[in-house]
Amino acid sequence: MIPRVGHTPERRRYTLRPGAYAILPRGGRVLLTCQMGARPDIQLPGGGIDPGESPLQALHREVMEEIGWRIARPRRLGAFRRFVFMPEYDLWAEKLCHVYVAHPVRQIADPIEPDHETLWMAQAKAIPALGNDGDRQFLWRYVEAGTP
């Protein structure tokens, strides 16, 4: 069973929205994205898996779109579910978030996703800064495990 984080779902219809997200550590820091707006939201880079796309294909594509980085050696850590309203799609979604850890290789472009900024943040500061409980839990477990 995949754990649920965040708010209990309301009595409404949710659309399943699978996605792939990455913890990208280097030298005690982690590479993140900040979605700018009225309330800036710091997140693990990643996003939705398109029809016909594998989670790993989506991970590489989404990381490139959101932060402009190439990544290597992704390893799946697990998954979580959360129920949210996605205003950019006018959609109530059950997000099924597959979380990976990967090595950031190099930045080759600026983010192409509108209103996304790339951030390097110390791991300990990144945990409370992340905008959702699932991202925080996975980064906290990763840091606590002392995984290189």
C-alpha atoms as a PDB file:
ATOM      1  CA  MET A   1       0.000   0.000   0.000  1.00  0.00           C
ATOM      2  CA  ILE A   2       1.310   3.444  -0.924  1.00  0.00           C
ATOM      3  CA  PRO A   3       1.061   5.860   2.022  1.00  0.00           C
ATOM      4  CA  ARG A   4      -1.045   9.008   1.813  1.00  0.00           C
ATOM      5  CA  VAL A   5       0.391  12.294   3.035  1.00  0.00           C
ATOM      6  CA  GLY A   6      -1.268  15.641   3.540  1.00  0.00           C
ATOM      7  CA  HIS A   7      -4.963  16.354   3.777  1.00  0.00           C
ATOM      8  CA  THR A   8      -7.628  13.669   3.874  1.00  0.00           C
ATOM      9  CA  PRO A   9      -9.399  13.582   0.510  1.00  0.00           C
ATOM     10  CA  GLU A  10     -12.760  15.321   0.288  1.00  0.00           C
ATOM     11  CA  ARG A  11     -15.858  13.585  -1.019  1.00  0.00           C
ATOM     12  CA  ARG A  12     -15.299  14.353  -4.680  1.00  0.00           C
ATOM     13  CA  ARG A  13     -13.928  12.689  -7.799  1.00  0.00           C
ATOM     14  CA  TYR A  14     -10.133  12.821  -8.160  1.00  0.00           C
ATOM     15  CA  THR A  15      -8.173  12.127 -11.328  1.00  0.00           C
ATOM     16  CA  LEU A  16      -5.106   9.912 -10.887  1.00  0.00           C
ATOM     17  CA  ARG A  17      -1.991  11.917 -11.808  1.00  0.00           C
ATOM     18  CA  PRO A  18       1.227   9.856 -11.565  1.00  0.00           C
ATOM     19  CA  GLY A  19       4.520  11.736 -11.411  1.00  0.00           C
ATOM     20  CA  ALA A  20       8.259  11.255 -10.900  1.00  0.00           C
ATOM     21  CA  TYR A  21      10.385  13.463  -8.617  1.00  0.00           C
ATOM     22  CA  ALA A  22      14.076  13.592  -7.717  1.00  0.00           C
ATOM     23  CA  ILE A  23      16.273  14.201  -4.702  1.00  0.00           C
ATOM     24  CA  LEU A  24      19.425  15.638  -6.285  1.00  0.00           C
ATOM     25  CA  PRO A  25      22.208  15.845  -3.663  1.00  0.00           C
ATOM     26  CA  ARG A  26      25.708  17.259  -4.048  1.00  0.00           C
ATOM     27  CA  GLY A  27      28.166  18.229  -1.325  1.00  0.00           C
ATOM     28  CA  GLY A  28      25.639  18.474   1.530  1.00  0.00           C
ATOM     29  CA  ARG A  29      23.225  20.511  -0.555  1.00  0.00           C
ATOM     30  CA  VAL A  30      20.222  19.546  -2.653  1.00  0.00           C
ATOM     31  CA  LEU A  31      19.023  20.921  -5.970  1.00  0.00           C
ATOM     32  CA  LEU A  32      15.386  22.084  -5.856  1.00  0.00           C
ATOM     33  CA  THR A  33      12.888  24.053  -7.880  1.00  0.00           C
ATOM     34  CA  CYS A  34      10.821  26.978  -6.675  1.00  0.00           C
ATOM     35  CA  GLN A  35       7.541  27.570  -8.459  1.00  0.00           C
ATOM     36  CA  MET A  36       7.062  31.299  -8.212  1.00  0.00           C
ATOM     37  CA  GLY A  37       3.675  32.886  -7.735  1.00  0.00           C
ATOM     38  CA  ALA A  38       1.586  34.563  -5.067  1.00  0.00           C
ATOM     39  CA  ARG A  39       2.901  31.906  -2.663  1.00  0.00           C
ATOM     40  CA  PRO A  40       6.280  30.555  -3.840  1.00  0.00           C
ATOM     41  CA  ASP A  41       6.422  26.754  -3.508  1.00  0.00           C
ATOM     42  CA  ILE A  42       9.741  24.920  -3.083  1.00  0.00           C
ATOM     43  CA  GLN A  43       9.613  21.392  -4.489  1.00  0.00           C
ATOM     44  CA  LEU A  44      11.655  18.389  -5.519  1.00  0.00           C
ATOM     45  CA  PRO A  45      12.167  18.729  -9.281  1.00  0.00           C
ATOM     46  CA  GLY A  46       9.853  16.532 -11.308  1.00  0.00           C
ATOM     47  CA  GLY A  47       6.310  16.262 -12.486  1.00  0.00           C
ATOM     48  CA  GLY A  48       3.648  14.352 -14.335  1.00  0.00           C
ATOM     49  CA  ILE A  49       4.207  11.160 -16.296  1.00  0.00           C
ATOM     50  CA  ASP A  50       2.706  11.586 -19.766  1.00  0.00           C
ATOM     51  CA  PRO A  51       0.751   8.781 -21.474  1.00  0.00           C
ATOM     52  CA  GLY A  52       3.151   6.262 -23.040  1.00  0.00           C
ATOM     53  CA  GLU A  53       6.079   7.570 -20.977  1.00  0.00           C
ATOM     54  CA  SER A  54       7.916   5.549 -18.321  1.00  0.00           C
ATOM     55  CA  PRO A  55       8.558   7.061 -14.874  1.00  0.00           C
ATOM     56  CA  LEU A  56      12.292   7.341 -15.690  1.00  0.00           C
ATOM     57  CA  GLN A  57      11.638   9.060 -19.021  1.00  0.00           C
ATOM     58  CA  ALA A  58       9.332  11.508 -17.227  1.00  0.00           C
ATOM     59  CA  LEU A  59      11.905  12.097 -14.499  1.00  0.00           C
ATOM     60  CA  HIS A  60      14.631  13.079 -16.974  1.00  0.00           C
ATOM     61  CA  ARG A  61      12.231  15.262 -19.005  1.00  0.00           C
ATOM     62  CA  GLU A  62      10.681  17.012 -16.002  1.00  0.00           C
ATOM     63  CA  VAL A  63      14.035  17.731 -14.325  1.00  0.00           C
ATOM     64  CA  MET A  64      15.268  19.255 -17.592  1.00  0.00           C
ATOM     65  CA  GLU A  65      12.103  21.357 -17.984  1.00  0.00           C
ATOM     66  CA  GLU A  66      12.020  22.592 -14.376  1.00  0.00           C
ATOM     67  CA  ILE A  67      15.699  23.196 -13.620  1.00  0.00           C
ATOM     68  CA  GLY A  68      17.631  22.629 -16.883  1.00  0.00           C
ATOM     69  CA  TRP A  69      19.856  19.865 -15.470  1.00  0.00           C
ATOM     70  CA  ARG A  70      20.939  16.486 -16.789  1.00  0.00           C
ATOM     71  CA  ILE A  71      20.871  13.720 -14.175  1.00  0.00           C
ATOM     72  CA  ALA A  72      22.459  10.279 -13.926  1.00  0.00           C
ATOM     73  CA  ARG A  73      21.967   6.969 -12.084  1.00  0.00           C
ATOM     74  CA  PRO A  74      18.414   7.478 -10.789  1.00  0.00           C
ATOM     75  CA  ARG A  75      17.397   5.004  -8.079  1.00  0.00           C
ATOM     76  CA  ARG A  76      13.791   4.682  -6.913  1.00  0.00           C
ATOM     77  CA  LEU A  77      13.254   5.320  -3.190  1.00  0.00           C
ATOM     78  CA  GLY A  78       9.485   4.801  -2.997  1.00  0.00           C
ATOM     79  CA  ALA A  79       6.192   6.571  -3.519  1.00  0.00           C
ATOM     80  CA  PHE A  80       3.458   8.527  -1.745  1.00  0.00           C
ATOM     81  CA  ARG A  81      -0.026   9.787  -2.601  1.00  0.00           C
ATOM     82  CA  ARG A  82      -1.550  13.158  -1.954  1.00  0.00           C
ATOM     83  CA  PHE A  83      -4.880  14.711  -2.886  1.00  0.00           C
ATOM     84  CA  VAL A  84      -4.733  18.273  -4.204  1.00  0.00           C
ATOM     85  CA  PHE A  85      -6.360  20.818  -6.447  1.00  0.00           C
ATOM     86  CA  MET A  86      -4.130  21.666  -9.420  1.00  0.00           C
ATOM     87  CA  PRO A  87      -5.278  25.159 -10.505  1.00  0.00           C
ATOM     88  CA  GLU A  88      -3.093  25.183 -13.639  1.00  0.00           C
ATOM     89  CA  TYR A  89      -5.199  22.245 -14.932  1.00  0.00           C
ATOM     90  CA  ASP A  90      -8.458  23.084 -13.086  1.00  0.00           C
ATOM     91  CA  LEU A  91      -8.225  19.536 -11.727  1.00  0.00           C
ATOM     92  CA  TRP A  92      -8.720  17.727  -8.431  1.00  0.00           C
ATOM     93  CA  ALA A  93      -5.918  15.141  -8.520  1.00  0.00           C
ATOM     94  CA  GLU A  94      -4.744  12.108  -6.633  1.00  0.00           C
ATOM     95  CA  LYS A  95      -1.037  12.600  -7.182  1.00  0.00           C
ATOM     96  CA  LEU A  96       0.914   9.341  -7.125  1.00  0.00           C
ATOM     97  CA  CYS A  97       4.464  10.592  -6.561  1.00  0.00           C
ATOM     98  CA  HIS A  98       7.361   8.237  -7.376  1.00  0.00           C
ATOM     99  CA  VAL A  99      10.516   9.536  -5.675  1.00  0.00           C
ATOM    100  CA  TYR A 100      14.047   8.868  -6.908  1.00  0.00           C
ATOM    101  CA  VAL A 101      17.525   9.914  -5.884  1.00  0.00           C
ATOM    102  CA  ALA A 102      19.880  10.796  -8.738  1.00  0.00           C
ATOM    103  CA  HIS A 103      23.168  12.540  -9.347  1.00  0.00           C
ATOM    104  CA  PRO A 104      22.957  16.034 -10.838  1.00  0.00           C
ATOM    105  CA  VAL A 105      25.471  15.977 -13.718  1.00  0.00           C
ATOM    106  CA  ARG A 106      25.392  19.498 -15.110  1.00  0.00           C
ATOM    107  CA  GLN A 107      23.127  22.361 -15.972  1.00  0.00           C
ATOM    108  CA  ILE A 108      22.725  22.697 -19.716  1.00  0.00           C
ATOM    109  CA  ALA A 109      19.850  25.184 -19.944  1.00  0.00           C
ATOM    110  CA  ASP A 110      17.719  27.592 -17.974  1.00  0.00           C
ATOM    111  CA  PRO A 111      14.383  26.199 -16.762  1.00  0.00           C
ATOM    112  CA  ILE A 112      11.808  26.187 -19.553  1.00  0.00           C
ATOM    113  CA  GLU A 113       8.805  25.758 -17.255  1.00  0.00           C
ATOM    114  CA  PRO A 114       7.272  29.189 -16.675  1.00  0.00           C
ATOM    115  CA  ASP A 115       7.826  30.685 -13.235  1.00  0.00           C
ATOM    116  CA  HIS A 116      10.340  28.026 -12.059  1.00  0.00           C
ATOM    117  CA  GLU A 117      13.643  28.969 -10.438  1.00  0.00           C
ATOM    118  CA  THR A 118      16.500  26.612  -9.617  1.00  0.00           C
ATOM    119  CA  LEU A 119      17.753  26.555  -5.999  1.00  0.00           C
ATOM    120  CA  TRP A 120      20.699  24.947  -4.227  1.00  0.00           C
ATOM    121  CA  MET A 121      19.921  24.550  -0.538  1.00  0.00           C
ATOM    122  CA  ALA A 122      21.646  22.902   2.426  1.00  0.00           C
ATOM    123  CA  GLN A 123      19.912  19.578   3.066  1.00  0.00           C
ATOM    124  CA  ALA A 124      18.956  20.460   6.652  1.00  0.00           C
ATOM    125  CA  LYS A 125      17.378  23.765   5.538  1.00  0.00           C
ATOM    126  CA  ALA A 126      15.689  22.164   2.537  1.00  0.00           C
ATOM    127  CA  ILE A 127      13.647  19.708   4.599  1.00  0.00           C
ATOM    128  CA  PRO A 128      11.419  22.313   6.321  1.00  0.00           C
ATOM    129  CA  ALA A 129      11.409  24.540   3.216  1.00  0.00           C
ATOM    130  CA  LEU A 130       9.782  21.943   0.959  1.00  0.00           C
ATOM    131  CA  GLY A 131       6.141  22.682   0.229  1.00  0.00           C
ATOM    132  CA  ASN A 132       4.581  19.265   0.837  1.00  0.00           C
ATOM    133  CA  ASP A 133       4.790  16.563   3.494  1.00  0.00           C
ATOM    134  CA  GLY A 134       5.752  13.783   1.079  1.00  0.00           C
ATOM    135  CA  ASP A 135       8.791  15.634  -0.290  1.00  0.00           C
ATOM    136  CA  ARG A 136       9.841  16.525   3.279  1.00  0.00           C
ATOM    137  CA  GLN A 137       9.497  12.912   4.489  1.00  0.00           C
ATOM    138  CA  PHE A 138      11.539  11.464   1.639  1.00  0.00           C
ATOM    139  CA  LEU A 139      14.316  14.053   1.940  1.00  0.00           C
ATOM    140  CA  TRP A 140      14.391  13.644   5.735  1.00  0.00           C
ATOM    141  CA  ARG A 141      14.724   9.820   5.395  1.00  0.00           C
ATOM    142  CA  TYR A 142      17.436  10.249   2.780  1.00  0.00           C
ATOM    143  CA  VAL A 143      19.438  12.671   4.955  1.00  0.00           C
ATOM    144  CA  GLU A 144      18.945  10.550   8.123  1.00  0.00           C
ATOM    145  CA  ALA A 145      20.194   7.442   6.307  1.00  0.00           C
ATOM    146  CA  GLY A 146      23.412   9.301   5.496  1.00  0.00           C
ATOM    147  CA  THR A 147      23.260   8.014   1.940  1.00  0.00           C
ATOM    148  CA  PRO A 148      26.083   9.390  -0.198  1.00  0.00           C
END
